Amino acid sequence: MNTSSTAYINGQFVPLSEVTISPLDRGFVFGDGVYEVIPVYHGVAFRLDEHLLRLNNSLSAIRLDNPYSDEKWATVLNQLIEENQAGDQSLYIQITRGVAERDHAFPETSAATIFAMSKPLPASQQAPIKAITLQDIRWQWCHIKSTALLGNLLLRQQAIDRGCQEAILLRDGVLTEGAASNVFIVKDGVILTPQKSNQILPGITRDIVVELAEENNVAIAETEISEQQLLSADEIWVTSATKEIAPVIELNGKPINSGKIGPACQVMQKLFNQFKQTLRNQ
């Protein structure tokens, strides 16, 4: 992490190394907050409106008013991009319920803590990964982009301990998502992905893949996917803001598509990269 990069904290742009937060902040004490991650391509925040809508939905779900309008957020984030030399980067936003006496009940008065930072996008976007399947031990409201990610961390670490990069999660024998991603499979020439529900995070990259497939007459369906369908899939990919579209070439130690990137994944990666290029040409 580049601690000399510029961050934003409660109305001020300061070096990341100078950001301070009270130990009584409810985000620190309880994980009482939400976050958002926004990729930036060539200095342009990608799908900003959709990311801000998801941020607002998460805030509403935890009964916390959005401290800024969409216009204010756009102004803050665009300045943050410029402060960090534009280019391709990843913005992280976190909003908590603020500083208050430690009590499980919501404080009657407290100002939200607003934090945002930037870091370069990783060079490993769309790189093939290995994954394992694990039981989804997380809570029931995974559609909220909560900062309370201990369940996700424990699952992801199990994958890392076994030489993999992601855990693909199952709940009652049905695919939900990855520990830090949405999941797609390909079976008999059709792309499949779980429907949106409280069991999965409504990923922006996920939605773009669905849109691009439909616009380009690529067969795709949002549907329930069983463990057996996952394990017998012709292709598996995961999507996220930083992974974009990353093919899974090994699952539970067994190669997927002979350990190679599948043809459907290649098509969607090409369509996604073309879509990104439209931002760079603006």
C-alpha atoms as a PDB file:
ATOM      1  CA  MET A   1       0.000   0.000   0.000  1.00  0.00           C
ATOM      2  CA  ASN A   2       1.345   3.421  -0.982  1.00  0.00           C
ATOM      3  CA  THR A   3       0.849   5.413   2.236  1.00  0.00           C
ATOM      4  CA  SER A   4       1.878   8.623   0.432  1.00  0.00           C
ATOM      5  CA  SER A   5      -1.179   8.393  -1.843  1.00  0.00           C
ATOM      6  CA  THR A   6      -3.983  10.869  -1.226  1.00  0.00           C
ATOM      7  CA  ALA A   7      -7.021   9.740   0.738  1.00  0.00           C
ATOM      8  CA  TYR A   8     -10.284  11.417   1.754  1.00  0.00           C
ATOM      9  CA  ILE A   9     -11.517  11.519   5.343  1.00  0.00           C
ATOM     10  CA  ASN A  10     -14.553  13.456   6.569  1.00  0.00           C
ATOM     11  CA  GLY A  11     -14.294  16.293   4.068  1.00  0.00           C
ATOM     12  CA  GLN A  12     -10.490  16.531   3.804  1.00  0.00           C
ATOM     13  CA  PHE A  13      -7.967  15.268   1.257  1.00  0.00           C
ATOM     14  CA  VAL A  14      -4.833  14.162   3.122  1.00  0.00           C
ATOM     15  CA  PRO A  15      -1.951  11.692   2.678  1.00  0.00           C
ATOM     16  CA  LEU A  16      -3.146   8.187   3.515  1.00  0.00           C
ATOM     17  CA  SER A  17      -0.464   7.960   6.218  1.00  0.00           C
ATOM     18  CA  GLU A  18      -2.105  10.879   8.052  1.00  0.00           C
ATOM     19  CA  VAL A  19      -5.634   9.417   8.220  1.00  0.00           C
ATOM     20  CA  THR A  20      -6.735   8.779  11.804  1.00  0.00           C
ATOM     21  CA  ILE A  21      -9.944   7.182  13.073  1.00  0.00           C
ATOM     22  CA  SER A  22     -11.149   6.969  16.670  1.00  0.00           C
ATOM     23  CA  PRO A  23     -11.006   3.538  18.355  1.00  0.00           C
ATOM     24  CA  LEU A  24     -14.609   4.243  19.386  1.00  0.00           C
ATOM     25  CA  ASP A  25     -15.726   4.409  15.761  1.00  0.00           C
ATOM     26  CA  ARG A  26     -18.521   1.865  15.346  1.00  0.00           C
ATOM     27  CA  GLY A  27     -16.866   0.591  12.176  1.00  0.00           C
ATOM     28  CA  PHE A  28     -13.847  -0.413  14.275  1.00  0.00           C
ATOM     29  CA  VAL A  29     -15.781  -1.700  17.293  1.00  0.00           C
ATOM     30  CA  PHE A  30     -18.713  -3.439  15.568  1.00  0.00           C
ATOM     31  CA  GLY A  31     -18.011  -3.507  11.834  1.00  0.00           C
ATOM     32  CA  ASP A  32     -21.038  -1.182  11.679  1.00  0.00           C
ATOM     33  CA  GLY A  33     -20.556   0.173   8.183  1.00  0.00           C
ATOM     34  CA  VAL A  34     -20.560  -0.512   4.465  1.00  0.00           C
ATOM     35  CA  TYR A  35     -18.059  -0.154   1.661  1.00  0.00           C
ATOM     36  CA  GLU A  36     -17.827   0.092  -2.103  1.00  0.00           C
ATOM     37  CA  VAL A  37     -15.049  -0.597  -4.627  1.00  0.00           C
ATOM     38  CA  ILE A  38     -15.014   1.256  -7.946  1.00  0.00           C
ATOM     39  CA  PRO A  39     -12.533   0.558 -10.764  1.00  0.00           C
ATOM     40  CA  VAL A  40     -11.182   3.562 -12.658  1.00  0.00           C
ATOM     41  CA  TYR A  41     -10.060   3.254 -16.267  1.00  0.00           C
ATOM     42  CA  HIS A  42      -8.045   6.075 -17.833  1.00  0.00           C
ATOM     43  CA  GLY A  43      -9.194   8.442 -15.124  1.00  0.00           C
ATOM     44  CA  VAL A  44     -12.906   7.615 -15.466  1.00  0.00           C
ATOM     45  CA  ALA A  45     -14.836   5.926 -12.635  1.00  0.00           C
ATOM     46  CA  PHE A  46     -16.414   2.814 -14.169  1.00  0.00           C
ATOM     47  CA  ARG A  47     -20.216   2.593 -13.929  1.00  0.00           C
ATOM     48  CA  LEU A  48     -20.230   5.234 -11.183  1.00  0.00           C
ATOM     49  CA  ASP A  49     -24.023   5.554 -11.075  1.00  0.00           C
ATOM     50  CA  GLU A  50     -24.460   1.816 -10.514  1.00  0.00           C
ATOM     51  CA  HIS A  51     -21.794   1.746  -7.793  1.00  0.00           C
ATOM     52  CA  LEU A  52     -23.382   4.701  -6.005  1.00  0.00           C
ATOM     53  CA  LEU A  53     -26.799   3.038  -6.237  1.00  0.00           C
ATOM     54  CA  ARG A  54     -25.392  -0.129  -4.624  1.00  0.00           C
ATOM     55  CA  LEU A  55     -23.721   1.991  -1.951  1.00  0.00           C
ATOM     56  CA  ASN A  56     -27.017   3.707  -1.200  1.00  0.00           C
ATOM     57  CA  ASN A  57     -28.835   0.347  -1.096  1.00  0.00           C
ATOM     58  CA  SER A  58     -26.302  -0.995   1.408  1.00  0.00           C
ATOM     59  CA  LEU A  59     -26.661   2.118   3.552  1.00  0.00           C
ATOM     60  CA  SER A  60     -30.446   1.878   3.471  1.00  0.00           C
ATOM     61  CA  ALA A  61     -30.271  -1.787   4.471  1.00  0.00           C
ATOM     62  CA  ILE A  62     -28.317  -0.924   7.635  1.00  0.00           C
ATOM     63  CA  ARG A  63     -30.526   2.131   8.346  1.00  0.00           C
ATOM     64  CA  LEU A  64     -27.784   4.700   7.799  1.00  0.00           C
ATOM     65  CA  ASP A  65     -28.497   7.830   5.771  1.00  0.00           C
ATOM     66  CA  ASN A  66     -26.168   8.496   2.860  1.00  0.00           C
ATOM     67  CA  PRO A  67     -24.131  11.528   3.975  1.00  0.00           C
ATOM     68  CA  TYR A  68     -23.686  12.773   0.388  1.00  0.00           C
ATOM     69  CA  SER A  69     -25.783  13.198  -2.715  1.00  0.00           C
ATOM     70  CA  ASP A  70     -24.687  11.411  -5.888  1.00  0.00           C
ATOM     71  CA  GLU A  71     -23.445  14.754  -7.225  1.00  0.00           C
ATOM     72  CA  LYS A  72     -21.324  15.315  -4.122  1.00  0.00           C
ATOM     73  CA  TRP A  73     -19.912  11.796  -4.336  1.00  0.00           C
ATOM     74  CA  ALA A  74     -19.004  12.337  -7.991  1.00  0.00           C
ATOM     75  CA  THR A  75     -17.172  15.560  -7.123  1.00  0.00           C
ATOM     76  CA  VAL A  76     -15.256  13.945  -4.241  1.00  0.00           C
ATOM     77  CA  LEU A  77     -14.316  10.824  -6.179  1.00  0.00           C
ATOM     78  CA  ASN A  78     -13.263  12.677  -9.319  1.00  0.00           C
ATOM     79  CA  GLN A  79     -10.976  14.873  -7.227  1.00  0.00           C
ATOM     80  CA  LEU A  80      -9.595  11.762  -5.503  1.00  0.00           C
ATOM     81  CA  ILE A  81      -8.829  10.278  -8.921  1.00  0.00           C
ATOM     82  CA  GLU A  82      -7.012  13.460  -9.961  1.00  0.00           C
ATOM     83  CA  GLU A  83      -5.122  13.660  -6.660  1.00  0.00           C
ATOM     84  CA  ASN A  84      -3.791  10.171  -7.410  1.00  0.00           C
ATOM     85  CA  GLN A  85      -2.647  10.983 -10.964  1.00  0.00           C
ATOM     86  CA  ALA A  86      -5.728   9.695 -12.781  1.00  0.00           C
ATOM     87  CA  GLY A  87      -4.958   6.573 -14.835  1.00  0.00           C
ATOM     88  CA  ASP A  88      -6.206   3.080 -13.965  1.00  0.00           C
ATOM     89  CA  GLN A  89      -6.894   2.699 -10.251  1.00  0.00           C
ATOM     90  CA  SER A  90      -9.309   1.257  -7.722  1.00  0.00           C
ATOM     91  CA  LEU A  91     -11.336   3.471  -5.384  1.00  0.00           C
ATOM     92  CA  TYR A  92     -12.357   2.173  -1.962  1.00  0.00           C
ATOM     93  CA  ILE A  93     -15.172   3.928  -0.050  1.00  0.00           C
ATOM     94  CA  GLN A  94     -16.127   3.134   3.533  1.00  0.00           C
ATOM     95  CA  ILE A  95     -18.925   4.724   5.566  1.00  0.00           C
ATOM     96  CA  THR A  96     -19.534   3.836   9.200  1.00  0.00           C
ATOM     97  CA  ARG A  97     -22.086   4.970  11.767  1.00  0.00           C
ATOM     98  CA  GLY A  98     -19.374   7.062  13.375  1.00  0.00           C
ATOM     99  CA  VAL A  99     -17.983   7.594  16.852  1.00  0.00           C
ATOM    100  CA  ALA A 100     -20.212   6.765  19.813  1.00  0.00           C
ATOM    101  CA  GLU A 101     -20.198   5.085  23.206  1.00  0.00           C
ATOM    102  CA  ARG A 102     -19.884   1.311  22.805  1.00  0.00           C
ATOM    103  CA  ASP A 103     -23.480   0.087  22.855  1.00  0.00           C
ATOM    104  CA  HIS A 104     -25.197  -2.360  20.519  1.00  0.00           C
ATOM    105  CA  ALA A 105     -28.115   0.037  20.066  1.00  0.00           C
ATOM    106  CA  PHE A 106     -27.764   2.647  17.325  1.00  0.00           C
ATOM    107  CA  PRO A 107     -26.612   5.995  18.752  1.00  0.00           C
ATOM    108  CA  GLU A 108     -29.272   8.698  18.709  1.00  0.00           C
ATOM    109  CA  THR A 109     -26.785  11.248  17.379  1.00  0.00           C
ATOM    110  CA  SER A 110     -23.497  10.588  15.647  1.00  0.00           C
ATOM    111  CA  ALA A 111     -21.857  11.811  12.466  1.00  0.00           C
ATOM    112  CA  ALA A 112     -20.964   9.160   9.904  1.00  0.00           C
ATOM    113  CA  THR A 113     -17.284   8.505   9.261  1.00  0.00           C
ATOM    114  CA  ILE A 114     -16.569   8.912   5.538  1.00  0.00           C
ATOM    115  CA  PHE A 115     -13.342   7.482   4.153  1.00  0.00           C
ATOM    116  CA  ALA A 116     -12.090   6.899   0.606  1.00  0.00           C
ATOM    117  CA  MET A 117      -8.734   5.915  -0.845  1.00  0.00           C
ATOM    118  CA  SER A 118      -7.184   4.919  -4.151  1.00  0.00           C
ATOM    119  CA  LYS A 119      -4.671   2.306  -5.217  1.00  0.00           C
ATOM    120  CA  PRO A 120      -3.452   1.127  -8.638  1.00  0.00           C
ATOM    121  CA  LEU A 121      -5.446  -1.636 -10.279  1.00  0.00           C
ATOM    122  CA  PRO A 122      -3.594  -4.976 -10.007  1.00  0.00           C
ATOM    123  CA  ALA A 123      -1.734  -6.265 -13.040  1.00  0.00           C
ATOM    124  CA  SER A 124      -3.322  -9.706 -12.564  1.00  0.00           C
ATOM    125  CA  GLN A 125      -6.791  -8.752 -13.834  1.00  0.00           C
ATOM    126  CA  GLN A 126      -8.436 -11.588 -15.797  1.00  0.00           C
ATOM    127  CA  ALA A 127      -5.574 -13.947 -14.897  1.00  0.00           C
ATOM    128  CA  PRO A 128      -6.517 -17.647 -14.517  1.00  0.00           C
ATOM    129  CA  ILE A 129      -6.994 -18.826 -10.939  1.00  0.00           C
ATOM    130  CA  LYS A 130      -7.426 -22.001  -8.921  1.00  0.00           C
ATOM    131  CA  ALA A 131     -10.345 -22.459  -6.527  1.00  0.00           C
ATOM    132  CA  ILE A 132     -11.881 -24.820  -3.998  1.00  0.00           C
ATOM    133  CA  THR A 133     -15.495 -25.319  -2.946  1.00  0.00           C
ATOM    134  CA  LEU A 134     -16.511 -24.607   0.647  1.00  0.00           C
ATOM    135  CA  GLN A 135     -19.747 -24.398   2.581  1.00  0.00           C
ATOM    136  CA  ASP A 136     -21.062 -20.848   2.772  1.00  0.00           C
ATOM    137  CA  ILE A 137     -20.804 -20.026   6.496  1.00  0.00           C
ATOM    138  CA  ARG A 138     -21.654 -16.327   6.151  1.00  0.00           C
ATOM    139  CA  TRP A 139     -24.745 -14.484   7.355  1.00  0.00           C
ATOM    140  CA  GLN A 140     -28.042 -14.260   5.467  1.00  0.00           C
ATOM    141  CA  TRP A 141     -27.762 -10.699   4.106  1.00  0.00           C
ATOM    142  CA  CYS A 142     -24.880 -11.020   1.670  1.00  0.00           C
ATOM    143  CA  HIS A 143     -26.492  -8.468  -0.665  1.00  0.00           C
ATOM    144  CA  ILE A 144     -25.282  -5.767   1.750  1.00  0.00           C
ATOM    145  CA  LYS A 145     -21.685  -4.737   1.070  1.00  0.00           C
ATOM    146  CA  SER A 146     -20.894  -4.810   4.774  1.00  0.00           C
ATOM    147  CA  THR A 147     -17.454  -4.142   6.239  1.00  0.00           C
ATOM    148  CA  ALA A 148     -18.037  -7.142   8.545  1.00  0.00           C
ATOM    149  CA  LEU A 149     -16.216  -9.614   6.300  1.00  0.00           C
ATOM    150  CA  LEU A 150     -14.774 -12.101   8.797  1.00  0.00           C
ATOM    151  CA  GLY A 151     -16.687 -15.012   7.255  1.00  0.00           C
ATOM    152  CA  ASN A 152     -15.384 -14.123   3.796  1.00  0.00           C
ATOM    153  CA  LEU A 153     -11.846 -13.788   5.142  1.00  0.00           C
ATOM    154  CA  LEU A 154     -11.901 -17.194   6.840  1.00  0.00           C
ATOM    155  CA  LEU A 155     -13.189 -18.845   3.671  1.00  0.00           C
ATOM    156  CA  ARG A 156     -10.732 -17.078   1.381  1.00  0.00           C
ATOM    157  CA  GLN A 157      -7.836 -17.978   3.677  1.00  0.00           C
ATOM    158  CA  GLN A 158      -8.757 -21.657   3.484  1.00  0.00           C
ATOM    159  CA  ALA A 159      -8.387 -21.388  -0.286  1.00  0.00           C
ATOM    160  CA  ILE A 160      -5.039 -19.618   0.023  1.00  0.00           C
ATOM    161  CA  ASP A 161      -3.804 -22.232   2.501  1.00  0.00           C
ATOM    162  CA  ARG A 162      -4.453 -24.848  -0.196  1.00  0.00           C
ATOM    163  CA  GLY A 163      -2.585 -22.954  -2.911  1.00  0.00           C
ATOM    164  CA  CYS A 164      -5.698 -21.443  -4.494  1.00  0.00           C
ATOM    165  CA  GLN A 165      -6.876 -17.880  -5.045  1.00  0.00           C
ATOM    166  CA  GLU A 166     -10.618 -18.164  -4.366  1.00  0.00           C
ATOM    167  CA  ALA A 167     -13.249 -20.159  -2.497  1.00  0.00           C
ATOM    168  CA  ILE A 168     -16.470 -20.913  -4.376  1.00  0.00           C
ATOM    169  CA  LEU A 169     -19.315 -21.184  -1.904  1.00  0.00           C
ATOM    170  CA  LEU A 170     -22.256 -23.561  -1.585  1.00  0.00           C
ATOM    171  CA  ARG A 171     -25.286 -23.214   0.659  1.00  0.00           C
ATOM    172  CA  ASP A 172     -27.569 -26.253   1.020  1.00  0.00           C
ATOM    173  CA  GLY A 173     -26.072 -27.761  -2.127  1.00  0.00           C
ATOM    174  CA  VAL A 174     -26.608 -24.626  -4.232  1.00  0.00           C
ATOM    175  CA  LEU A 175     -23.949 -22.249  -5.613  1.00  0.00           C
ATOM    176  CA  THR A 176     -23.995 -18.756  -4.105  1.00  0.00           C
ATOM    177  CA  GLU A 177     -20.801 -16.863  -5.021  1.00  0.00           C
ATOM    178  CA  GLY A 178     -17.095 -16.642  -4.346  1.00  0.00           C
ATOM    179  CA  ALA A 179     -15.615 -15.353  -1.105  1.00  0.00           C
ATOM    180  CA  ALA A 180     -14.802 -12.129  -2.981  1.00  0.00           C
ATOM    181  CA  SER A 181     -16.463 -12.560  -6.374  1.00  0.00           C
ATOM    182  CA  ASN A 182     -19.520 -13.597  -8.349  1.00  0.00           C
ATOM    183  CA  VAL A 183     -19.456 -16.927 -10.194  1.00  0.00           C
ATOM    184  CA  PHE A 184     -20.394 -18.001 -13.731  1.00  0.00           C
ATOM    185  CA  ILE A 185     -20.320 -21.478 -15.219  1.00  0.00           C
ATOM    186  CA  VAL A 186     -20.749 -22.762 -18.767  1.00  0.00           C
ATOM    187  CA  LYS A 187     -22.695 -25.941 -19.436  1.00  0.00           C
ATOM    188  CA  ASP A 188     -23.588 -27.263 -22.893  1.00  0.00           C
ATOM    189  CA  GLY A 189     -22.834 -23.916 -24.518  1.00  0.00           C
ATOM    190  CA  VAL A 190     -24.963 -21.817 -22.124  1.00  0.00           C
ATOM    191  CA  ILE A 191     -23.525 -19.363 -19.584  1.00  0.00           C
ATOM    192  CA  LEU A 192     -25.205 -19.712 -16.172  1.00  0.00           C
ATOM    193  CA  THR A 193     -24.978 -17.534 -13.073  1.00  0.00           C
ATOM    194  CA  PRO A 194     -26.996 -17.467  -9.828  1.00  0.00           C
ATOM    195  CA  GLN A 195     -29.979 -15.142  -9.670  1.00  0.00           C
ATOM    196  CA  LYS A 196     -29.725 -12.058  -7.484  1.00  0.00           C
ATOM    197  CA  SER A 197     -30.926 -12.635  -3.933  1.00  0.00           C
ATOM    198  CA  ASN A 198     -29.934 -11.888  -0.355  1.00  0.00           C
ATOM    199  CA  GLN A 199     -27.465 -14.790  -0.694  1.00  0.00           C
ATOM    200  CA  ILE A 200     -25.129 -12.960  -3.117  1.00  0.00           C
ATOM    201  CA  LEU A 201     -23.693  -9.512  -3.626  1.00  0.00           C
ATOM    202  CA  PRO A 202     -25.197  -7.843  -6.730  1.00  0.00           C
ATOM    203  CA  GLY A 203     -21.900  -7.384  -8.542  1.00  0.00           C
ATOM    204  CA  ILE A 204     -21.516  -4.537 -11.043  1.00  0.00           C
ATOM    205  CA  THR A 205     -19.069  -6.555 -13.166  1.00  0.00           C
ATOM    206  CA  ARG A 206     -21.492  -9.485 -12.977  1.00  0.00           C
ATOM    207  CA  ASP A 207     -24.277  -7.292 -14.345  1.00  0.00           C
ATOM    208  CA  ILE A 208     -22.078  -6.033 -17.185  1.00  0.00           C
ATOM    209  CA  VAL A 209     -21.270  -9.609 -18.223  1.00  0.00           C
ATOM    210  CA  VAL A 210     -24.990 -10.428 -18.327  1.00  0.00           C
ATOM    211  CA  GLU A 211     -25.713  -7.258 -20.327  1.00  0.00           C
ATOM    212  CA  LEU A 212     -22.912  -7.845 -22.827  1.00  0.00           C
ATOM    213  CA  ALA A 213     -23.935 -11.460 -23.368  1.00  0.00           C
ATOM    214  CA  GLU A 214     -27.556 -10.497 -24.018  1.00  0.00           C
ATOM    215  CA  GLU A 215     -26.585  -7.620 -26.327  1.00  0.00           C
ATOM    216  CA  ASN A 216     -24.331  -9.906 -28.364  1.00  0.00           C
ATOM    217  CA  ASN A 217     -26.733 -12.885 -28.564  1.00  0.00           C
ATOM    218  CA  VAL A 218     -24.584 -15.074 -26.313  1.00  0.00           C
ATOM    219  CA  ALA A 219     -26.750 -17.672 -24.539  1.00  0.00           C
ATOM    220  CA  ILE A 220     -26.970 -16.823 -20.840  1.00  0.00           C
ATOM    221  CA  ALA A 221     -29.375 -17.534 -17.986  1.00  0.00           C
ATOM    222  CA  GLU A 222     -29.672 -16.392 -14.378  1.00  0.00           C
ATOM    223  CA  THR A 223     -30.745 -19.498 -12.499  1.00  0.00           C
ATOM    224  CA  GLU A 224     -30.141 -21.767  -9.525  1.00  0.00           C
ATOM    225  CA  ILE A 225     -26.972 -23.818  -9.977  1.00  0.00           C
ATOM    226  CA  SER A 226     -26.529 -27.059  -8.064  1.00  0.00           C
ATOM    227  CA  GLU A 227     -23.254 -28.359  -6.684  1.00  0.00           C
ATOM    228  CA  GLN A 228     -23.324 -31.129  -9.298  1.00  0.00           C
ATOM    229  CA  GLN A 229     -23.735 -28.600 -12.117  1.00  0.00           C
ATOM    230  CA  LEU A 230     -20.793 -26.621 -10.753  1.00  0.00           C
ATOM    231  CA  LEU A 231     -18.551 -29.671 -10.444  1.00  0.00           C
ATOM    232  CA  SER A 232     -19.407 -30.882 -13.962  1.00  0.00           C
ATOM    233  CA  ALA A 233     -19.213 -27.445 -15.639  1.00  0.00           C
ATOM    234  CA  ASP A 234     -17.367 -27.043 -18.919  1.00  0.00           C
ATOM    235  CA  GLU A 235     -16.061 -23.646 -17.790  1.00  0.00           C
ATOM    236  CA  ILE A 236     -16.064 -21.656 -14.552  1.00  0.00           C
ATOM    237  CA  TRP A 237     -15.206 -17.977 -14.119  1.00  0.00           C
ATOM    238  CA  VAL A 238     -15.365 -15.446 -11.314  1.00  0.00           C
ATOM    239  CA  THR A 239     -15.998 -11.720 -11.691  1.00  0.00           C
ATOM    240  CA  SER A 240     -15.298  -8.679  -9.526  1.00  0.00           C
ATOM    241  CA  ALA A 241     -14.199  -5.065  -9.849  1.00  0.00           C
ATOM    242  CA  THR A 242     -10.520  -5.979  -9.564  1.00  0.00           C
ATOM    243  CA  LYS A 243     -10.522  -9.490 -11.086  1.00  0.00           C
ATOM    244  CA  GLU A 244     -12.828  -8.431 -13.954  1.00  0.00           C
ATOM    245  CA  ILE A 245     -13.445 -11.841 -15.647  1.00  0.00           C
ATOM    246  CA  ALA A 246     -11.033 -14.438 -14.270  1.00  0.00           C
ATOM    247  CA  PRO A 247     -11.255 -18.049 -15.505  1.00  0.00           C
ATOM    248  CA  VAL A 248     -11.055 -20.856 -12.959  1.00  0.00           C
ATOM    249  CA  ILE A 249      -8.739 -23.456 -14.488  1.00  0.00           C
ATOM    250  CA  GLU A 250      -8.708 -25.812 -11.486  1.00  0.00           C
ATOM    251  CA  LEU A 251     -11.400 -26.642  -8.928  1.00  0.00           C
ATOM    252  CA  ASN A 252     -10.701 -28.870  -5.917  1.00  0.00           C
ATOM    253  CA  GLY A 253      -7.462 -29.984  -7.536  1.00  0.00           C
ATOM    254  CA  LYS A 254      -9.107 -31.043 -10.819  1.00  0.00           C
ATOM    255  CA  PRO A 255      -8.537 -29.145 -14.085  1.00  0.00           C
ATOM    256  CA  ILE A 256     -11.422 -27.278 -15.704  1.00  0.00           C
ATOM    257  CA  ASN A 257     -11.410 -27.329 -19.525  1.00  0.00           C
ATOM    258  CA  SER A 258      -8.073 -29.172 -19.398  1.00  0.00           C
ATOM    259  CA  GLY A 259      -6.603 -26.300 -17.400  1.00  0.00           C
ATOM    260  CA  LYS A 260      -7.117 -23.764 -20.193  1.00  0.00           C
ATOM    261  CA  ILE A 261      -9.239 -20.646 -20.613  1.00  0.00           C
ATOM    262  CA  GLY A 262     -12.524 -21.758 -22.187  1.00  0.00           C
ATOM    263  CA  PRO A 263     -13.930 -20.343 -25.449  1.00  0.00           C
ATOM    264  CA  ALA A 264     -16.959 -18.706 -23.811  1.00  0.00           C
ATOM    265  CA  CYS A 265     -14.733 -16.959 -21.284  1.00  0.00           C
ATOM    266  CA  GLN A 266     -12.493 -15.696 -24.064  1.00  0.00           C
ATOM    267  CA  VAL A 267     -15.514 -14.266 -25.877  1.00  0.00           C
ATOM    268  CA  MET A 268     -16.738 -12.455 -22.775  1.00  0.00           C
ATOM    269  CA  GLN A 269     -13.274 -11.154 -21.896  1.00  0.00           C
ATOM    270  CA  LYS A 270     -12.996  -9.715 -25.405  1.00  0.00           C
ATOM    271  CA  LEU A 271     -16.424  -8.070 -25.182  1.00  0.00           C
ATOM    272  CA  PHE A 272     -15.613  -6.685 -21.735  1.00  0.00           C
ATOM    273  CA  ASN A 273     -12.268  -5.271 -22.888  1.00  0.00           C
ATOM    274  CA  GLN A 274     -13.952  -3.635 -25.866  1.00  0.00           C
ATOM    275  CA  PHE A 275     -16.506  -2.123 -23.507  1.00  0.00           C
ATOM    276  CA  LYS A 276     -13.731  -0.732 -21.289  1.00  0.00           C
ATOM    277  CA  GLN A 277     -12.004   0.728 -24.338  1.00  0.00           C
ATOM    278  CA  THR A 278     -15.013   2.960 -24.991  1.00  0.00           C
ATOM    279  CA  LEU A 279     -14.102   4.783 -21.746  1.00  0.00           C
ATOM    280  CA  ARG A 280     -10.530   5.292 -22.824  1.00  0.00           C
ATOM    281  CA  ASN A 281     -11.717   6.735 -26.146  1.00  0.00           C
ATOM    282  CA  GLN A 282     -13.962   9.330 -24.501  1.00  0.00           C
END
